[in-house]
Amino acid sequence: MIKLTKSNGDSFEIDGATVLRIRKTVAGWDNDLGNTLVNASQDFVVMEEASAVAASVKTELATLHSFTQPAGSPVWVDAHSAAGPMPIAPNRDGINSAFDVGGKRQYVRETHQQVRDIIQAANGKVQPIPDETFWTQSVETIKEFLGGIEDWDPDRGVESPSEPQV
C-alpha cells in the first residue's frame, strides 16, 4: 500500500497495483489544489509530487511506465492496462501516437513503435502500428468528430494556456 496525502492534509493509503495513470495537476483542469492527479479505482488529487508518487507506485506496479504528454510533461501509465498504439489524426502538435487505458485515450510524444514496444513489454493489448494512409487518418478524424473514446485530458493533453510549456 502507498501512503499519500490529500490536499486537506488527510493521509490515506492506495493499492499501487490499482493505479492506471499519474500526472501533475493542471490549473483549470483539476478542481483540487493538490500537486498530482492519480487515476485508479477513483481519481485522487494528492500533495506529493508526481515523480515521487510514480516512484512509490512503481514498487507495487512494475508495469508503470513514463510517457511524454504532447506539451512535454511526463505522464505515468500502467502499460499492462493499455491498448495501442492507436491511429491519430494528422498534424497534431506534439502528438506522435496514442493509446487507450481505463477506457480513455492518452496522447503522447512517443512514436507508434515506441508505444507498441512499451505495451508489448508489459504484456498489454498490442495493436498493429497504424499506417499513415488517407483512409486511416479519415477514419480516426470521423471517430473523433462523432464522439469516439473520451480523452484523458482536455485539448489532447496539451498544457492549458496558464501553464508554462516544458
Protein backbone atom coordinates (compact mmCIF):
# COMPACT_ATOMS: atom_id res chain seq x y z
CA MET A 1 0.00 0.00 0.00
CA ILE A 2 1.16 3.51 -0.83
CA LYS A 3 0.60 6.28 1.72
CA LEU A 4 -0.44 9.63 0.17
CA THR A 5 -1.76 12.97 1.40
CA LYS A 6 -4.95 14.70 0.24
CA SER A 7 -4.90 18.49 -0.19
CA ASN A 8 -6.79 18.86 3.10
CA GLY A 9 -3.86 17.18 4.88
CA ASP A 10 -5.55 13.83 5.49
CA SER A 11 -3.42 10.77 4.80
CA PHE A 12 -4.77 7.70 3.04
CA GLU A 13 -3.45 4.50 1.51
CA ILE A 14 -3.89 3.21 -2.02
CA ASP A 15 -3.00 -0.14 -3.53
CA GLY A 16 -0.33 0.74 -6.09
CA ALA A 17 -1.44 -2.14 -8.30
CA THR A 18 -4.77 -0.34 -8.93
CA VAL A 19 -3.17 2.79 -10.43
CA LEU A 20 -3.81 3.43 -14.12
CA ARG A 21 -2.24 6.86 -14.57
CA ILE A 22 -0.35 9.64 -12.75
CA ARG A 23 0.31 13.24 -13.83
CA LYS A 24 0.91 16.63 -12.28
CA THR A 25 -2.22 18.69 -11.76
CA VAL A 26 -3.00 21.49 -14.17
CA ALA A 27 -4.82 24.68 -13.17
CA GLY A 28 -8.13 24.93 -14.98
CA TRP A 29 -8.44 21.17 -15.49
CA ASP A 30 -8.28 19.87 -11.95
CA ASN A 31 -10.71 21.05 -9.29
CA ASP A 32 -8.48 20.31 -6.31
CA LEU A 33 -5.37 22.26 -5.28
CA GLY A 34 -3.08 19.24 -4.93
CA ASN A 35 0.10 18.64 -6.92
CA THR A 36 -0.66 15.28 -8.54
CA LEU A 37 -3.64 13.54 -10.11
CA VAL A 38 -3.73 9.77 -9.55
CA ASN A 39 -6.25 7.84 -11.67
CA ALA A 40 -7.03 4.48 -10.07
CA SER A 41 -10.30 2.86 -8.96
CA GLN A 42 -11.26 6.51 -8.46
CA ASP A 43 -9.44 9.79 -9.03
CA PHE A 44 -7.27 11.21 -6.26
CA VAL A 45 -5.55 14.59 -6.07
CA VAL A 46 -2.60 14.44 -3.70
CA MET A 47 0.04 16.78 -2.32
CA GLU A 48 3.09 14.68 -3.20
CA GLU A 49 4.91 15.49 -6.44
CA ALA A 50 4.03 13.32 -9.45
CA SER A 51 7.53 11.84 -9.80
CA ALA A 52 7.56 10.82 -6.12
CA VAL A 53 4.11 9.24 -6.42
CA ALA A 54 5.24 7.36 -9.55
CA ALA A 55 8.37 6.09 -7.80
CA SER A 56 6.27 4.78 -4.89
CA VAL A 57 3.68 3.18 -7.17
CA LYS A 58 6.40 1.55 -9.28
CA THR A 59 7.43 -0.51 -6.22
CA GLU A 60 4.00 -2.19 -6.40
CA LEU A 61 3.31 -1.90 -10.15
CA ALA A 62 6.32 -2.90 -12.23
CA THR A 63 4.47 -2.09 -15.49
CA LEU A 64 4.14 1.62 -14.64
CA HIS A 65 5.88 3.48 -17.47
CA SER A 66 6.64 7.15 -18.07
CA PHE A 67 5.39 8.65 -21.33
CA THR A 68 5.58 12.26 -22.52
CA GLN A 69 2.43 14.33 -22.91
CA PRO A 70 2.23 16.50 -26.05
CA ALA A 71 3.33 19.63 -24.16
CA GLY A 72 6.33 17.80 -22.69
CA SER A 73 5.20 16.88 -19.18
CA PRO A 74 5.53 13.29 -18.01
CA VAL A 75 2.53 11.03 -17.53
CA TRP A 76 2.98 7.63 -15.91
CA VAL A 77 0.69 4.86 -17.14
CA ASP A 78 0.20 1.18 -16.34
CA ALA A 79 1.34 -0.16 -19.72
CA HIS A 80 -0.13 -3.59 -18.90
CA SER A 81 -3.61 -1.99 -18.82
CA ALA A 82 -3.03 -0.10 -22.08
CA ALA A 83 -4.09 -0.92 -25.65
CA GLY A 84 -2.23 0.61 -28.53
CA PRO A 85 -0.82 2.25 -30.44
CA MET A 86 -3.97 3.88 -31.79
CA PRO A 87 -4.28 5.92 -35.00
CA ILE A 88 -4.15 9.69 -34.65
CA ALA A 89 -5.35 12.45 -36.91
CA PRO A 90 -2.52 14.14 -38.85
CA ASN A 91 -0.78 17.40 -37.99
CA ARG A 92 -1.27 17.37 -34.24
CA ASP A 93 1.33 19.48 -32.43
CA GLY A 94 3.39 17.32 -30.13
CA ILE A 95 1.25 14.22 -30.71
CA ASN A 96 3.01 11.29 -32.34
CA SER A 97 0.92 8.43 -31.01
CA ALA A 98 -1.90 7.48 -28.67
CA PHE A 99 -3.13 4.52 -26.65
CA ASP A 100 -6.19 3.66 -24.61
CA VAL A 101 -6.12 2.98 -20.89
CA GLY A 102 -9.01 2.88 -18.44
CA GLY A 103 -11.49 3.47 -21.26
CA LYS A 104 -9.91 6.78 -22.27
CA ARG A 105 -7.35 7.90 -24.85
CA GLN A 106 -3.90 9.17 -23.88
CA TYR A 107 -1.96 11.19 -26.47
CA VAL A 108 1.83 11.15 -26.27
CA ARG A 109 5.01 12.37 -27.98
CA GLU A 110 6.43 8.87 -28.31
CA THR A 111 6.25 7.21 -31.73
CA HIS A 112 3.81 4.43 -32.59
CA GLN A 113 6.72 1.96 -32.48
CA GLN A 114 7.85 3.13 -29.03
CA VAL A 115 4.29 2.90 -27.68
CA ARG A 116 3.87 -0.57 -29.18
CA ASP A 117 7.19 -1.78 -27.72
CA ILE A 118 6.36 -0.49 -24.24
CA ILE A 119 2.87 -2.01 -24.22
CA GLN A 120 4.20 -5.30 -25.59
CA ALA A 121 6.94 -5.47 -22.92
CA ALA A 122 4.25 -5.03 -20.24
CA ASN A 123 2.00 -7.71 -21.80
CA GLY A 124 -0.64 -5.11 -22.58
CA LYS A 125 -3.03 -5.22 -25.55
CA VAL A 126 -0.75 -4.61 -28.54
CA GLN A 127 -2.32 -3.15 -31.67
CA PRO A 128 -0.77 -3.06 -35.15
CA ILE A 129 1.29 0.01 -35.98
CA PRO A 130 -1.17 2.46 -37.58
CA ASP A 131 -0.25 3.38 -41.12
CA GLU A 132 -0.43 6.92 -42.38
CA THR A 133 -2.83 6.34 -45.24
CA PHE A 134 -5.61 8.73 -46.03
CA TRP A 135 -8.18 6.11 -45.03
CA THR A 136 -6.72 5.55 -41.56
CA GLN A 137 -6.48 9.28 -40.95
CA SER A 138 -10.02 9.85 -42.22
CA VAL A 139 -11.50 7.11 -40.05
CA GLU A 140 -9.81 8.49 -36.92
CA THR A 141 -10.95 12.03 -37.71
CA ILE A 142 -14.55 10.85 -38.22
CA LYS A 143 -14.46 8.86 -34.95
CA GLU A 144 -13.28 11.96 -33.08
CA PHE A 145 -15.94 14.12 -34.72
CA LEU A 146 -18.71 11.66 -33.86
CA GLY A 147 -17.55 11.33 -30.27
CA GLY A 148 -15.17 8.39 -30.12
CA ILE A 149 -13.34 7.40 -26.97
CA GLU A 150 -13.00 10.13 -24.36
CA ASP A 151 -9.59 11.76 -23.91
CA TRP A 152 -7.89 11.70 -20.51
CA ASP A 153 -7.18 15.41 -20.60
CA PRO A 154 -8.75 18.38 -22.36
CA ASP A 155 -7.02 19.65 -25.50
CA ARG A 156 -5.45 16.22 -26.14
CA GLY A 157 -3.01 16.55 -23.24
CA VAL A 158 -1.58 19.93 -24.23
CA GLU A 159 -0.94 22.16 -21.22
CA SER A 160 -3.51 24.85 -20.53
CA PRO A 161 -2.57 28.38 -21.61
CA SER A 162 -1.89 29.39 -18.00
CA GLU A 163 0.73 26.63 -17.60
CA PRO A 164 4.32 27.14 -18.68
CA GLN A 165 5.38 24.96 -21.57
CA VAL A 166 8.12 22.46 -20.74
